[in-house]
């Protein structure tokens, strides 16, 4: 089993910055990629950013230039630095990882951006 635990969500005002963290534990040998998805009320879950072990990064168009994903492989942790937050960034943010055994999700952390 793989456990992903997110932290760092909360309530912020538009224009502010926030960093989310996600720590992976358990049977995590061979992590190939980690990243973040989000789901706003009434919408489908969507990709925010992912990063492979090789350093390949993929960002959603809606967050390019405002969000930076990074990883600490020694700590099996992935971070999401978010700047210039907008009300439309309000969502539950889910940590995601892909290993040879499969795909795993965290329980999510709520981010609310007030206008």
Protein backbone atom coordinates (compact mmCIF):
# COMPACT_ATOMS: atom_id res chain seq x y z
CA UNK A 1 0.00 0.00 0.00
CA UNK A 2 0.97 3.59 -0.62
CA UNK A 3 -0.07 6.50 1.53
CA UNK A 4 -0.08 10.10 0.36
CA UNK A 5 -0.66 12.83 2.92
CA UNK A 6 -1.26 16.38 1.78
CA UNK A 7 -0.82 19.51 3.86
CA UNK A 8 -0.82 23.26 3.41
CA UNK A 9 -4.33 24.03 2.24
CA UNK A 10 -6.45 26.78 3.75
CA UNK A 11 -8.17 30.09 3.15
CA UNK A 12 -6.25 32.85 1.38
CA UNK A 13 -7.10 36.06 -0.42
CA UNK A 14 -6.73 36.58 -4.13
CA UNK A 15 -3.20 37.50 -5.07
CA UNK A 16 -1.60 35.68 -2.17
CA UNK A 17 0.71 32.69 -2.30
CA UNK A 18 0.56 29.23 -0.78
CA UNK A 19 2.58 26.03 -0.87
CA UNK A 20 1.07 22.57 -0.71
CA UNK A 21 3.11 19.56 0.38
CA UNK A 22 2.55 15.85 -0.07
CA UNK A 23 4.56 13.09 1.56
CA UNK A 24 4.50 9.55 0.23
CA UNK A 25 5.07 6.50 2.40
CA UNK A 26 4.56 2.77 2.36
CA UNK A 27 5.42 0.54 -0.59
CA UNK A 28 6.77 3.38 -2.71
CA UNK A 29 9.69 1.66 -4.36
CA UNK A 30 10.00 2.80 -7.91
CA UNK A 31 7.98 6.01 -7.88
CA UNK A 32 7.91 7.16 -11.49
CA UNK A 33 6.01 10.40 -11.12
CA UNK A 34 4.26 12.59 -8.57
CA UNK A 35 1.95 15.50 -8.96
CA UNK A 36 -1.23 17.36 -8.19
CA UNK A 37 -4.78 17.36 -9.44
CA UNK A 38 -7.71 19.45 -8.27
CA UNK A 39 -11.47 19.28 -8.22
CA UNK A 40 -13.67 22.32 -7.90
CA UNK A 41 -17.31 22.03 -6.79
CA UNK A 42 -19.44 20.65 -9.58
CA UNK A 43 -16.47 20.01 -11.86
CA UNK A 44 -14.37 17.04 -12.83
CA UNK A 45 -10.96 16.42 -11.34
CA UNK A 46 -8.29 18.04 -13.48
CA UNK A 47 -4.54 17.98 -13.74
CA UNK A 48 -2.62 20.84 -12.15
CA UNK A 49 1.00 19.70 -12.47
CA UNK A 50 3.03 16.50 -12.60
CA UNK A 51 6.73 15.76 -12.47
CA UNK A 52 8.50 12.56 -13.47
CA UNK A 53 11.61 11.14 -11.89
CA UNK A 54 13.48 12.33 -14.90
CA UNK A 55 12.38 15.90 -14.26
CA UNK A 56 9.78 16.19 -17.01
CA UNK A 57 7.10 18.63 -15.87
CA UNK A 58 3.60 19.08 -17.17
CA UNK A 59 1.44 22.06 -16.16
CA UNK A 60 -2.17 22.81 -16.90
CA UNK A 61 -2.49 25.84 -19.15
CA UNK A 62 -4.60 27.57 -16.53
CA UNK A 63 -1.74 27.62 -13.99
CA UNK A 64 1.34 28.13 -16.16
CA UNK A 65 3.43 31.00 -14.91
CA UNK A 66 1.78 31.02 -11.47
CA UNK A 67 2.49 27.56 -10.12
CA UNK A 68 5.72 25.63 -9.64
CA UNK A 69 5.97 21.94 -8.86
CA UNK A 70 9.05 20.51 -7.18
CA UNK A 71 10.12 17.28 -5.55
CA UNK A 72 12.44 16.14 -2.80
CA UNK A 73 13.15 12.59 -3.86
CA UNK A 74 15.07 11.82 -0.68
CA UNK A 75 11.94 12.62 1.32
CA UNK A 76 9.46 11.24 -1.24
CA UNK A 77 7.73 14.59 -1.10
CA UNK A 78 6.21 16.78 -3.77
CA UNK A 79 5.43 20.47 -3.42
CA UNK A 80 3.16 22.88 -5.24
CA UNK A 81 4.12 26.54 -4.92
CA UNK A 82 1.18 28.68 -5.98
CA UNK A 83 1.45 32.42 -6.56
CA UNK A 84 -1.05 35.08 -7.60
CA UNK A 85 -3.91 32.88 -6.49
CA UNK A 86 -7.32 33.49 -8.03
CA UNK A 87 -10.82 32.61 -6.79
CA UNK A 88 -11.03 30.08 -9.62
CA UNK A 89 -8.16 28.19 -8.00
CA UNK A 90 -10.56 27.23 -5.22
CA UNK A 91 -10.73 23.44 -5.14
CA UNK A 92 -9.75 20.32 -3.30
CA UNK A 93 -6.17 19.55 -4.28
CA UNK A 94 -5.20 15.91 -4.53
CA UNK A 95 -1.71 14.50 -4.46
CA UNK A 96 -1.03 11.79 -7.05
CA UNK A 97 1.71 9.30 -7.66
CA UNK A 98 2.45 6.62 -10.23
CA UNK A 99 4.53 3.56 -9.38
CA UNK A 100 4.76 0.21 -11.16
CA UNK A 101 2.10 -1.14 -8.79
CA UNK A 102 -0.38 1.47 -9.89
CA UNK A 103 -1.73 4.96 -9.37
CA UNK A 104 -2.45 6.35 -5.92
CA UNK A 105 -4.26 9.39 -4.57
CA UNK A 106 -4.20 11.36 -1.36
CA UNK A 107 -7.37 12.33 0.45
CA UNK A 108 -7.08 15.94 -0.66
CA UNK A 109 -6.61 19.32 0.94
CA UNK A 110 -9.02 22.22 0.53
CA UNK A 111 -7.81 25.52 -0.86
CA UNK A 112 -10.22 28.43 -0.83
CA UNK A 113 -9.28 31.72 -2.47
CA UNK A 114 -11.49 34.66 -1.55
CA UNK A 115 -11.92 37.65 -3.82
